Protein backbone atom coordinates (compact mmCIF):
# COMPACT_ATOMS: atom_id res chain seq x y z
CA MET A 1 108.92 133.02 89.58
CA ASP A 2 107.11 129.72 89.94
CA GLY A 3 103.46 129.83 89.06
CA PHE A 4 103.46 133.39 87.71
CA GLN A 5 103.78 135.08 84.37
CA ALA A 6 103.68 138.77 83.51
CA SER A 7 101.08 139.48 80.84
CA ASP A 8 101.45 142.11 78.14
CA ASN A 9 99.95 144.80 80.37
CA GLY A 10 102.28 143.96 83.27
CA GLU A 11 99.68 141.95 85.21
CA VAL A 12 101.03 138.87 87.01
CA ARG A 13 98.93 135.74 86.63
CA GLU A 14 99.09 132.68 88.85
CA CYS A 15 99.74 129.32 87.24
CA THR A 16 100.13 126.81 90.07
CA GLY A 17 101.21 126.51 93.67
CA GLY A 18 99.16 127.06 96.81
CA LYS A 19 99.67 129.10 99.93
CA PRO A 20 101.44 127.46 102.85
CA ALA A 21 99.04 125.79 105.26
CA ARG A 22 99.65 125.09 108.91
CA PRO A 23 100.02 121.31 109.46
CA GLN A 24 96.78 119.83 110.78
CA SER A 25 97.18 117.41 113.67
CA GLY A 26 94.02 115.52 112.67
CA LEU A 27 95.43 114.51 109.30
CA PRO A 28 97.54 111.34 108.96
CA GLY A 29 101.20 112.11 108.36
CA ALA A 30 102.92 111.45 105.06
CA VAL A 31 106.45 110.09 104.62
CA VAL A 32 108.30 111.02 101.41
CA MET A 33 111.32 108.96 100.38
CA ASN A 34 114.08 111.22 98.97
CA MET A 35 113.89 114.96 98.43
CA CYS A 36 114.80 115.56 94.80
CA TYR A 37 112.26 116.88 92.25
CA THR A 38 109.67 114.22 92.95
CA GLY A 39 109.91 114.26 96.73
CA LEU A 40 109.97 118.04 96.91
CA GLY A 41 106.86 118.18 94.73
CA ILE A 42 105.04 115.64 96.92
CA ALA A 43 105.91 117.61 100.07
CA ARG A 44 104.52 120.77 98.49
CA SER A 45 101.35 119.11 97.19
CA LEU A 46 100.51 117.70 100.62
CA GLY A 47 101.91 120.56 102.71
CA GLU A 48 99.68 123.04 100.89
CA HIS A 49 96.73 121.10 102.30
CA GLY A 50 98.10 121.10 105.84
CA VAL A 51 99.33 117.50 105.82
CA PRO A 52 102.29 116.96 108.20
CA VAL A 53 105.09 115.66 105.95
CA THR A 54 108.29 113.86 106.93
CA GLY A 55 110.99 113.87 104.26
CA LEU A 56 113.51 111.01 104.42
CA SER A 57 116.85 112.00 102.95
CA ALA A 58 120.18 110.21 102.73
CA MET A 59 121.70 113.08 100.72
CA ARG A 60 123.24 115.86 102.76
CA GLY A 61 122.64 119.28 101.22
CA ILE A 62 120.13 118.22 98.55
CA TYR A 63 117.82 121.16 97.74
CA GLY A 64 114.62 119.43 98.91
CA ASN A 65 116.02 119.20 102.44
CA PHE A 66 115.34 122.93 102.81
CA THR A 67 111.64 123.02 101.97
CA ARG A 68 109.26 124.60 104.45
CA TYR A 69 106.69 121.88 103.70
CA ALA A 70 108.44 118.92 105.35
CA LYS A 71 110.37 117.95 108.44
CA ILE A 72 113.57 116.39 107.13
CA ARG A 73 115.16 113.32 108.72
CA ARG A 74 118.55 111.99 107.73
CA CYS A 75 118.39 108.23 107.28
CA PRO A 76 119.94 105.27 105.42
CA ASP A 77 119.26 104.91 101.69
CA SER A 78 116.96 102.29 100.15
CA LYS A 79 119.50 101.60 97.42
CA HIS A 80 122.67 101.17 99.50
CA ASP A 81 121.44 100.17 102.97
CA PRO A 82 117.92 98.70 102.84
CA LYS A 83 118.24 96.87 106.17
CA GLY A 84 119.41 100.03 107.88
CA LEU A 85 116.51 101.97 106.39
CA LEU A 86 114.05 99.30 107.54
CA ASP A 87 115.25 99.61 111.14
CA TYR A 88 115.01 103.38 110.90
CA MET A 89 111.47 103.31 109.50
CA LEU A 90 110.23 100.78 112.03
CA ASP A 91 111.50 103.05 114.80
CA LEU A 92 109.80 106.00 113.09
CA GLY A 93 106.55 104.04 112.84
CA THR A 94 106.47 102.99 116.48
CA ARG A 95 106.91 106.61 117.57
CA ALA A 96 103.96 107.91 115.52
CA ASP A 97 100.46 108.20 116.97
CA HIS A 98 98.81 107.21 113.69
CA LYS A 99 99.55 105.11 110.66
CA GLN A 100 101.52 107.18 108.15
CA ILE A 101 101.33 107.12 104.36
CA ILE A 102 104.58 106.41 102.46
CA PHE A 103 105.31 107.84 99.00
CA PRO A 104 108.26 106.31 97.07
CA THR A 105 110.11 108.41 94.49
CA ARG A 106 112.57 105.95 92.87
CA ASP A 107 112.50 102.36 91.63
CA HIS A 108 114.87 101.34 94.44
CA ASP A 109 112.23 102.63 96.88
CA LEU A 110 109.65 100.40 95.21
CA VAL A 111 111.89 97.35 95.53
CA PHE A 112 112.56 98.22 99.18
CA LEU A 113 108.87 98.72 100.05
CA ASP A 114 107.87 95.52 98.27
CA ARG A 115 110.61 93.52 99.99
CA PHE A 116 109.62 94.69 103.49
CA ARG A 117 105.90 95.12 102.85
CA SER A 118 104.78 92.88 105.74
CA GLU A 119 107.17 94.46 108.26
CA LEU A 120 106.04 97.99 107.41
CA LYS A 121 102.32 97.30 107.10
CA PRO A 122 101.46 97.69 110.84
CA TYR A 123 102.83 101.24 110.86
CA PHE A 124 102.45 102.58 107.33
CA ALA A 125 100.07 102.69 104.38
CA VAL A 126 102.43 101.93 101.50
CA MET A 127 101.59 103.67 98.19
CA ILE A 128 102.64 100.85 95.86
CA PRO A 129 100.64 98.25 93.91
CA SER A 130 100.61 94.51 94.56
CA PRO A 131 103.80 92.48 93.99
CA GLN A 132 102.38 91.09 90.74
CA CYS A 133 101.49 94.54 89.43
CA LEU A 134 104.83 95.92 90.47
CA ARG A 135 106.72 93.25 88.56
CA ALA A 136 104.54 93.80 85.49
CA CYS A 137 105.53 97.49 85.47
CA LEU A 138 109.19 97.33 86.50
CA ASP A 139 110.04 94.45 84.15
CA LYS A 140 109.83 95.94 80.66
CA TRP A 141 109.35 92.54 79.05
CA GLU A 142 106.32 91.86 81.26
CA THR A 143 104.96 95.33 80.45
CA TYR A 144 105.27 94.53 76.75
CA ARG A 145 103.39 91.25 77.20
CA PHE A 146 100.55 92.99 79.04
CA ALA A 147 100.41 95.68 76.35
CA ARG A 148 99.86 93.02 73.71
CA ARG A 149 97.10 91.45 75.81
CA ALA A 150 95.42 94.85 76.26
CA ASN A 151 95.76 95.67 72.54
CA VAL A 152 97.91 98.70 73.34
CA PRO A 153 100.32 99.52 70.48
CA ALA A 154 103.98 99.07 71.40
CA PRO A 155 107.29 98.81 69.54
CA GLY A 156 108.65 95.29 69.12
CA CYS A 157 110.68 93.96 72.07
CA TRP A 158 113.10 91.09 72.63
CA LYS A 159 114.25 89.81 76.01
CA ILE A 160 117.98 89.09 76.27
CA GLU A 161 119.56 87.06 79.08
CA SER A 162 122.69 85.69 77.43
CA LEU A 163 124.95 85.99 74.39
CA GLU A 164 123.06 83.09 72.82
CA ASN A 165 119.78 85.02 73.17
CA LEU A 166 121.43 88.02 71.56
CA GLU A 167 122.72 86.09 68.56
CA ALA A 168 119.35 84.41 68.03
CA THR A 169 117.65 87.81 68.10
CA ILE A 170 120.12 89.33 65.64
CA GLY A 171 119.58 86.37 63.34
CA GLY A 172 115.82 86.81 63.56
CA ASP A 173 113.62 89.73 62.52
CA LEU A 174 115.47 92.44 64.44
CA ARG A 175 115.97 95.64 62.45
CA PHE A 176 118.35 98.51 63.03
CA PRO A 177 118.52 101.01 64.58
CA CYS A 178 117.21 99.61 67.84
CA VAL A 179 117.47 100.48 71.52
CA LEU A 180 119.26 98.47 74.22
CA LYS A 181 117.67 98.97 77.65
CA PRO A 182 117.85 97.42 81.10
CA LEU A 183 115.17 94.82 81.70
CA ALA A 184 114.29 96.88 84.79
CA ALA A 185 115.64 100.41 85.16
CA TYR A 186 117.14 99.80 88.61
CA HIS A 187 119.31 96.96 87.21
CA TRP A 188 121.59 99.60 85.69
CA ARG A 189 121.41 102.07 88.57
CA GLY A 190 123.96 100.36 90.80
CA SER A 191 127.10 102.47 90.96
CA GLU A 192 129.36 99.90 89.21
CA THR A 193 126.86 99.05 86.47
CA TRP A 194 125.92 102.70 86.00
CA ASN A 195 129.55 103.56 85.35
CA ARG A 196 130.00 100.66 82.94
CA VAL A 197 127.00 101.68 80.82
CA GLY A 198 128.34 105.23 80.66
CA GLU A 199 125.53 106.63 82.85
CA ARG A 200 123.03 106.01 80.04
CA LYS A 201 119.39 105.12 80.59
CA ALA A 202 119.20 103.46 77.17
CA ILE A 203 121.56 102.93 74.25
CA CYS A 204 120.63 103.46 70.61
CA VAL A 205 122.60 101.10 68.36
CA GLN A 206 122.91 101.27 64.59
CA SER A 207 124.27 97.83 63.63
CA ALA A 208 124.70 94.24 64.76
CA GLY A 209 128.38 94.84 65.51
CA GLU A 210 127.61 97.86 67.69
CA LEU A 211 124.90 95.91 69.50
CA ARG A 212 127.33 93.07 70.25
CA ARG A 213 129.90 95.52 71.61
CA GLU A 214 127.42 97.40 73.78
CA TYR A 215 125.89 94.21 75.16
CA ALA A 216 129.36 92.85 75.98
CA THR A 217 129.94 95.95 78.09
CA VAL A 218 126.54 95.84 79.79
CA SER A 219 126.45 92.07 80.36
CA SER A 220 129.73 92.13 82.26
CA ALA A 221 127.70 93.65 85.10
CA GLU A 222 124.09 92.69 84.23
CA PRO A 223 123.26 90.06 81.56
CA ARG A 224 119.51 90.77 81.55
CA ALA A 225 118.49 93.38 79.00
CA LEU A 226 115.75 94.37 76.59
CA ILE A 227 116.06 95.25 72.92
CA GLN A 228 113.31 97.55 71.72
CA GLU A 229 112.42 98.64 68.21
CA PHE A 230 113.51 102.24 67.63
CA VAL A 231 110.64 104.68 67.12
CA PRO A 232 111.78 107.63 64.98
CA GLY A 233 110.86 111.16 65.92
CA SER A 234 112.19 114.03 68.01
CA ASP A 235 111.79 114.39 71.76
CA ASP A 236 108.64 116.49 71.39
CA GLN A 237 106.88 113.36 70.12
CA LEU A 238 107.05 111.87 73.62
CA PHE A 239 103.86 112.00 75.69
CA VAL A 240 102.95 110.88 79.19
CA ALA A 241 99.67 109.89 80.80
CA ALA A 242 99.56 110.43 84.55
CA CYS A 243 97.09 108.28 86.44
CA TYR A 244 95.86 107.53 89.91
CA LEU A 245 93.78 104.33 90.14
CA ASP A 246 92.02 103.28 93.33
CA ASP A 247 91.96 99.84 94.96
CA HIS A 248 89.42 98.69 92.35
CA SER A 249 91.68 99.86 89.51
CA THR A 250 89.25 102.68 88.71
CA LEU A 251 90.68 105.96 87.42
CA ARG A 252 90.27 108.71 90.02
CA ALA A 253 92.61 111.37 88.66
CA GLY A 254 94.65 111.79 85.51
CA PHE A 255 96.15 114.19 83.00
CA THR A 256 98.40 114.10 79.95
CA ALA A 257 101.55 116.02 79.03
CA GLN A 258 104.05 116.38 76.21
CA LYS A 259 107.82 116.47 76.53
CA LEU A 260 109.32 119.43 74.71
CA VAL A 261 112.97 119.13 75.75
CA GLN A 262 115.05 116.27 77.15
CA VAL A 263 118.65 116.57 78.36
CA PRO A 264 120.50 114.89 76.79
CA GLU A 265 118.40 114.46 73.66
CA GLY A 266 116.90 111.08 72.93
CA PHE A 267 117.14 109.24 76.24
CA GLY A 268 117.57 111.94 78.86
CA THR A 269 115.75 113.65 81.70
CA GLY A 270 112.60 115.62 80.91
CA CYS A 271 113.63 119.27 81.11
CA ILE A 272 110.58 121.12 79.76
CA ILE A 273 107.18 119.41 79.85
CA GLN A 274 103.87 120.89 78.67
CA ALA A 275 100.35 120.03 79.80
CA VAL A 276 98.21 118.91 76.84
CA ASN A 277 94.71 117.55 76.40
CA ARG A 278 94.90 113.99 75.04
CA PRO A 279 91.88 112.09 76.42
CA ASP A 280 92.44 109.25 73.94
CA LEU A 281 95.97 108.76 75.28
CA LEU A 282 94.73 108.75 78.86
CA ALA A 283 92.13 106.13 77.96
CA THR A 284 94.82 103.94 76.35
CA ALA A 285 97.00 104.18 79.45
CA VAL A 286 94.09 103.28 81.71
CA ARG A 287 93.26 100.27 79.54
CA LEU A 288 96.79 98.95 79.99
CA LEU A 289 96.86 99.61 83.73
CA GLN A 290 93.51 97.93 84.22
CA GLU A 291 94.76 94.89 82.30
CA ILE A 292 97.59 94.74 84.84
CA ARG A 293 95.03 95.39 87.62
CA PHE A 294 97.12 98.30 88.74
CA THR A 295 96.39 100.37 91.84
CA GLY A 296 98.12 103.60 92.84
CA ILE A 297 100.06 106.28 90.98
CA ALA A 298 101.60 105.66 87.57
CA GLU A 299 103.19 107.54 84.70
CA VAL A 300 102.78 105.83 81.33
CA GLU A 301 105.06 107.07 78.56
CA PHE A 302 104.29 106.89 74.85
CA LYS A 303 105.90 108.07 71.62
CA TRP A 304 103.93 109.20 68.60
CA ASP A 305 104.82 107.10 65.56
CA ALA A 306 104.12 109.10 62.42
CA ARG A 307 104.56 105.95 60.30
CA SER A 308 101.57 104.16 61.83
CA GLY A 309 99.68 107.15 63.20
CA GLU A 310 99.67 105.63 66.71
CA TYR A 311 100.99 106.32 70.17
CA LEU A 312 103.41 103.48 70.97
CA LEU A 313 103.99 102.44 74.58
CA ILE A 314 107.52 103.08 75.86
CA GLU A 315 107.34 102.27 79.57
CA VAL A 316 105.36 102.44 82.82
CA ASN A 317 106.65 104.08 86.00
CA PRO A 318 104.55 102.69 88.89
CA ARG A 319 105.20 105.61 91.26
CA PRO A 320 105.25 109.40 91.42
CA TRP A 321 107.71 111.00 88.98
CA ASP A 322 109.39 114.36 88.52
CA GLN A 323 106.64 116.34 86.78
CA HIS A 324 103.58 115.21 88.73
CA ARG A 325 102.87 118.80 89.88
CA LEU A 326 102.05 119.72 86.29
CA GLY A 327 98.61 118.20 86.89
CA LEU A 328 97.75 121.30 88.90
CA ALA A 329 97.35 123.10 85.58
CA SER A 330 94.18 121.07 85.04
CA GLY A 331 93.13 120.88 88.68
CA THR A 332 94.34 117.27 88.90
CA ASP A 333 96.77 116.74 91.75
CA VAL A 334 97.33 112.99 91.63
CA ILE A 335 99.31 113.08 94.89
CA TRP A 336 96.48 114.74 96.81
CA HIS A 337 93.93 112.29 95.38
CA ALA A 338 96.10 109.33 96.35
CA TYR A 339 96.65 110.70 99.85
CA CYS A 340 92.93 111.32 100.38
CA THR A 341 92.04 107.79 99.33
CA ALA A 342 94.66 106.25 101.62
CA ALA A 343 93.59 108.51 104.50
CA GLY A 344 89.86 107.90 103.98
CA LEU A 345 89.21 111.56 103.13
CA PRO A 346 87.06 113.00 100.35
CA GLY A 347 89.34 114.28 97.59
CA ALA A 348 88.71 117.48 95.68
CA PRO A 349 87.20 116.74 92.23
CA ALA A 350 89.41 117.50 89.24
CA ARG A 351 88.33 120.40 87.04
CA GLY A 352 89.28 118.48 83.93
CA LYS A 353 90.10 121.71 82.03
CA TYR A 354 93.58 121.79 80.57
CA GLU A 355 95.52 125.03 80.74
CA ASP A 356 98.68 126.00 78.92
CA CYS A 357 101.36 125.46 81.57
CA ARG A 358 104.89 124.09 81.43
CA TRP A 359 107.04 122.33 84.02
CA VAL A 360 110.72 123.29 83.87
CA ALA A 361 113.67 121.52 85.49
CA ASP A 362 115.36 124.79 86.39
CA ASP A 363 118.78 123.41 87.31
CA VAL A 364 118.98 121.15 84.25
CA LEU A 365 117.84 124.01 82.03
CA LEU A 366 120.53 126.30 83.43
CA LEU A 367 123.28 123.77 82.69
CA ALA A 368 121.84 123.09 79.23
CA VAL A 369 121.87 126.82 78.41
CA LEU A 370 125.45 127.16 79.67
CA ARG A 371 126.46 124.18 77.55
CA ALA A 372 124.78 125.72 74.49
CA VAL A 373 126.53 129.05 75.08
CA TRP A 374 129.86 127.25 75.47
CA ARG A 375 129.37 125.38 72.20
CA ARG A 376 127.92 128.44 70.41
CA ASN A 377 125.42 126.25 68.59
CA GLY A 378 122.41 128.57 68.90
CA ASN A 379 120.45 126.19 71.15
CA ALA A 380 120.37 128.65 74.08
CA LYS A 381 117.71 130.83 72.42
CA GLN A 382 115.72 127.77 71.42
CA LEU A 383 115.76 126.46 75.00
CA TRP A 384 114.70 129.82 76.36
CA ARG A 385 111.83 130.10 73.87
CA ALA A 386 110.59 126.68 74.97
CA THR A 387 109.97 128.04 78.46
CA ARG A 388 107.67 130.83 77.32
CA GLY A 389 104.18 131.06 78.77
CA ARG A 390 102.78 130.03 82.10
CA ARG A 391 105.16 127.75 83.89
CA MET A 392 106.19 126.09 87.11
CA TYR A 393 109.58 124.82 88.18
CA GLY A 394 111.00 121.65 89.65
CA ILE A 395 112.82 123.53 92.41
CA TRP A 396 111.87 127.20 92.47
CA GLN A 397 108.59 128.21 94.11
CA TRP A 398 107.84 131.75 95.21
CA ASN A 399 106.54 130.80 98.67
CA ASP A 400 109.20 128.11 99.24
CA PRO A 401 112.41 129.70 97.89
CA LEU A 402 115.12 128.08 100.04
CA PRO A 403 115.41 124.86 98.00
CA PHE A 404 116.26 126.88 94.91
CA PHE A 405 118.83 129.15 96.52
CA THR A 406 120.54 126.34 98.42
CA GLY A 407 120.61 124.17 95.32
CA LEU A 408 121.98 126.99 93.20
CA GLY A 409 124.56 127.88 95.84
CA ALA A 410 125.72 124.28 96.13
CA ALA A 411 126.04 123.96 92.34
CA VAL A 412 128.01 127.21 92.02
CA TRP A 413 130.28 126.27 94.94
CA SER A 414 130.96 122.82 93.50
CA LEU A 415 131.68 124.24 90.05
CA THR A 416 133.94 126.95 91.48
CA ARG A 417 135.97 124.46 93.51
CA ALA A 418 136.35 122.15 90.53
CA LEU A 419 137.42 125.02 88.26
CA ALA A 420 139.87 126.31 90.84
CA LYS A 421 141.37 122.86 91.27
CA ARG A 422 141.81 122.37 87.53
CA ALA A 423 143.12 125.92 87.09
CA ALA A 424 145.79 125.22 89.71
CA SER A 425 146.86 122.19 87.70
CA GLY A 426 146.85 124.21 84.47
CA SER A 427 143.94 122.35 82.82
CA VAL A 428 140.86 124.60 82.83
CA VAL A 429 139.46 123.41 79.49
CA PRO A 430 138.76 119.80 80.53
CA ILE A 431 136.74 120.84 83.58
CA SER A 432 134.76 123.26 81.43
CA ARG A 433 133.94 120.40 79.11
CA ARG A 434 132.96 118.26 82.06
CA PHE A 435 130.40 120.76 83.33
CA LEU A 436 129.29 122.18 79.98
CA GLY A 437 129.50 118.96 77.96
CA LYS A 438 127.54 115.75 78.13
CA ASP A 439 128.71 114.89 81.64
CA VAL A 440 126.40 117.53 83.15
CA SER A 441 123.40 115.47 82.17
């Protein structure tokens, strides 16, 4: 159960999650773009305070559409139909009695909101930084340049825009292994490009020949890329600093966390994340964001480098992200603080005391356990042990259970249909590999 753990004597202790609150008509409404982990978490954070929340969803049947904390509206998608979404949102804005506060959840949302900032401004308070700040965060090369200016340690980076750039970089001081990444994450998220890169967020390469081959594949759809020095270490050496900075770039709320499990390993989705107390890391993240003159919500990711004894900057996400609710373990709800500032309300002060609590991507964990059982590699027990202790979930919440059950039902139904289809064709093993192998991630 989300937010609860049975102690040794059978007592159940609360970790996170508030009671449902009746929407308050005096509070400005909030608009959440997309209802996956991040959007569902935003709806819960605000709904628990009585904020009327509208969830925009282009995905029929996604689990967040069934939350009790938001009124869901089907609409065009910022990625595939930005003009259609603009028309929809302008109509939504003209119908509202008050200016509403928009929360993006994906990089494509950021690009959309930045592109139509002036059109949306009369009707919405848009929770994104200035165009200059946004570019500095979304463009990994610009982030690297700001990190050097702010004296924030970062792995070496090289910007690639052509085959000539690549060859010059290989002939320079580049060392292997290294990591090939999109210059901006959304560059690879288009359906065609995403398929060409093998649905990988980043590509670790071991040699010059492998780098040439991978870049040839990527550049056929998107020539802009970044090569980053590889930082050795397992996934539990990844840390994040969550920040909310006001219009003066002053820190108003923040916490730090450690990734314990990613799926797939190396460059995957955070599956189990633990709240930790790293005030030095938070201070480093704030120094970088203030150099950029950032305002709003950000997640800054670092990796501990045992060779140098430093946290090295990996990237900045200038928006809410999947595990933002983990801040509740320290009394730091960055979403609520951001909303209060935008709405002109006094925000609740953060307790600043870190508690042992873990955020778990329940659906990803389930598939990872099934994959481990299928492969009989012993990882299932290890994954289960990593969830021990006080925890909260990306989907399950005891007082908002429908998202979990609808999401689980949809996954089981989809898997059953796929298995039945393959069984009818006499090829059950391939579909099992598809769902229990790397494709599930």
